Amino acid sequence: MGIALSDLNHMQLPGLLQHSAETFELAPWVAEAAFAKRPSPAGTALHEAMFGAVRAAPRDSQLDSCAIIPISLARQREPGRSRTTRSASKQA
């Protein structure tokens, strides 16, 4: 179940990090950067703020995020955890 954009816009940073923990392959610095650009008038603006953070990040940070993709996939296969329908279809 998703969360309303208005709720994300009103969250403090710890709440936003909790709700976006698996966004961008478990890279909390992306959500932290997007937090600084709130409020987001639309989901596309939040998405762009997150992608903008990745594009603006040092190359090492970008590569570190890519390196944890296998860890993220392994966690999704742990008992009691499941991928979202969209994530599962993208990775099938």
Protein backbone atom coordinates (compact mmCIF):
# COMPACT_ATOMS: atom_id res chain seq x y z
CA MET A 1 0.00 0.00 0.00
CA GLY A 2 1.33 3.40 -0.92
CA ILE A 3 1.46 6.56 1.11
CA ALA A 4 -0.01 9.89 0.09
CA LEU A 5 2.37 12.54 -1.20
CA SER A 6 0.87 15.03 1.24
CA ASP A 7 1.81 12.68 4.09
CA LEU A 8 5.39 12.42 2.78
CA ASN A 9 5.57 16.21 2.49
CA HIS A 10 4.64 16.60 6.18
CA MET A 11 6.96 13.92 7.60
CA GLN A 12 10.08 14.65 9.53
CA LEU A 13 13.27 13.15 8.10
CA PRO A 14 13.24 9.92 10.20
CA GLY A 15 9.71 9.11 8.98
CA LEU A 16 10.61 9.80 5.37
CA LEU A 17 13.68 7.59 5.66
CA GLN A 18 11.56 4.79 7.11
CA HIS A 19 9.02 5.00 4.29
CA SER A 20 11.65 5.22 1.57
CA ALA A 21 14.12 2.71 3.03
CA GLU A 22 14.11 0.50 -0.04
CA THR A 23 13.96 3.31 -2.56
CA PHE A 24 17.05 3.68 -4.70
CA GLU A 25 18.48 0.38 -3.51
CA LEU A 26 18.72 1.28 0.16
CA ALA A 27 20.60 4.57 -0.32
CA PRO A 28 19.22 6.84 2.43
CA TRP A 29 21.31 9.78 1.25
CA VAL A 30 19.01 10.04 -1.78
CA ALA A 31 15.91 10.46 0.41
CA GLU A 32 17.82 12.91 2.63
CA ALA A 33 18.62 15.08 -0.39
CA ALA A 34 15.01 14.95 -1.60
CA PHE A 35 13.84 15.89 1.91
CA ALA A 36 15.68 19.19 1.57
CA LYS A 37 13.63 20.01 -1.55
CA ARG A 38 10.20 19.50 0.04
CA PRO A 39 7.36 20.09 -0.32
CA SER A 40 6.93 18.25 -3.59
CA PRO A 41 3.94 19.50 -5.58
CA ALA A 42 3.62 16.15 -7.38
CA GLY A 43 5.05 12.66 -7.24
CA THR A 44 7.05 13.45 -10.35
CA ALA A 45 8.76 16.32 -8.51
CA LEU A 46 9.74 14.01 -5.64
CA HIS A 47 11.00 11.45 -8.15
CA GLU A 48 13.03 14.12 -9.95
CA ALA A 49 14.47 15.38 -6.64
CA MET A 50 15.66 11.85 -5.88
CA PHE A 51 17.15 11.32 -9.34
CA GLY A 52 18.71 14.78 -9.15
CA ALA A 53 20.43 13.77 -5.91
CA VAL A 54 21.89 10.72 -7.61
CA ARG A 55 23.05 12.73 -10.62
CA ALA A 56 24.65 15.38 -8.37
CA ALA A 57 26.34 12.85 -6.08
CA PRO A 58 30.04 12.09 -6.30
CA ARG A 59 30.83 9.16 -8.57
CA ASP A 60 31.92 7.03 -5.61
CA SER A 61 28.51 7.43 -3.96
CA GLN A 62 26.79 6.47 -7.20
CA LEU A 63 28.96 3.37 -7.55
CA ASP A 64 28.49 2.41 -3.90
CA SER A 65 24.73 2.47 -4.45
CA CYS A 66 25.08 0.17 -7.44
CA ALA A 67 27.24 -2.23 -5.44
CA ILE A 68 24.48 -2.91 -2.91
CA ILE A 69 21.91 -4.00 -5.51
CA PRO A 70 22.77 -7.70 -4.97
CA ILE A 71 22.34 -7.20 -1.21
CA SER A 72 18.93 -5.64 -1.79
CA LEU A 73 17.88 -8.54 -4.00
CA ALA A 74 19.02 -11.06 -1.41
CA ARG A 75 17.03 -9.27 1.32
CA GLN A 76 13.91 -9.40 -0.84
CA ARG A 77 14.22 -13.18 -0.94
CA GLU A 78 14.36 -13.53 2.85
CA PRO A 79 11.35 -15.20 4.47
CA GLY A 80 8.65 -12.69 5.32
CA ARG A 81 9.83 -10.14 2.76
CA SER A 82 8.44 -9.66 -0.69
CA ARG A 83 9.11 -7.41 -3.62
CA THR A 84 6.51 -5.00 -4.83
CA THR A 85 4.59 -6.14 -7.89
CA ARG A 86 6.31 -3.48 -9.99
CA SER A 87 9.76 -4.42 -8.72
CA ALA A 88 9.10 -8.12 -9.30
CA SER A 89 7.95 -7.49 -12.88
CA LYS A 90 11.00 -5.33 -13.63
CA GLN A 91 13.36 -8.01 -12.32
CA ALA A 92 11.62 -11.04 -13.87
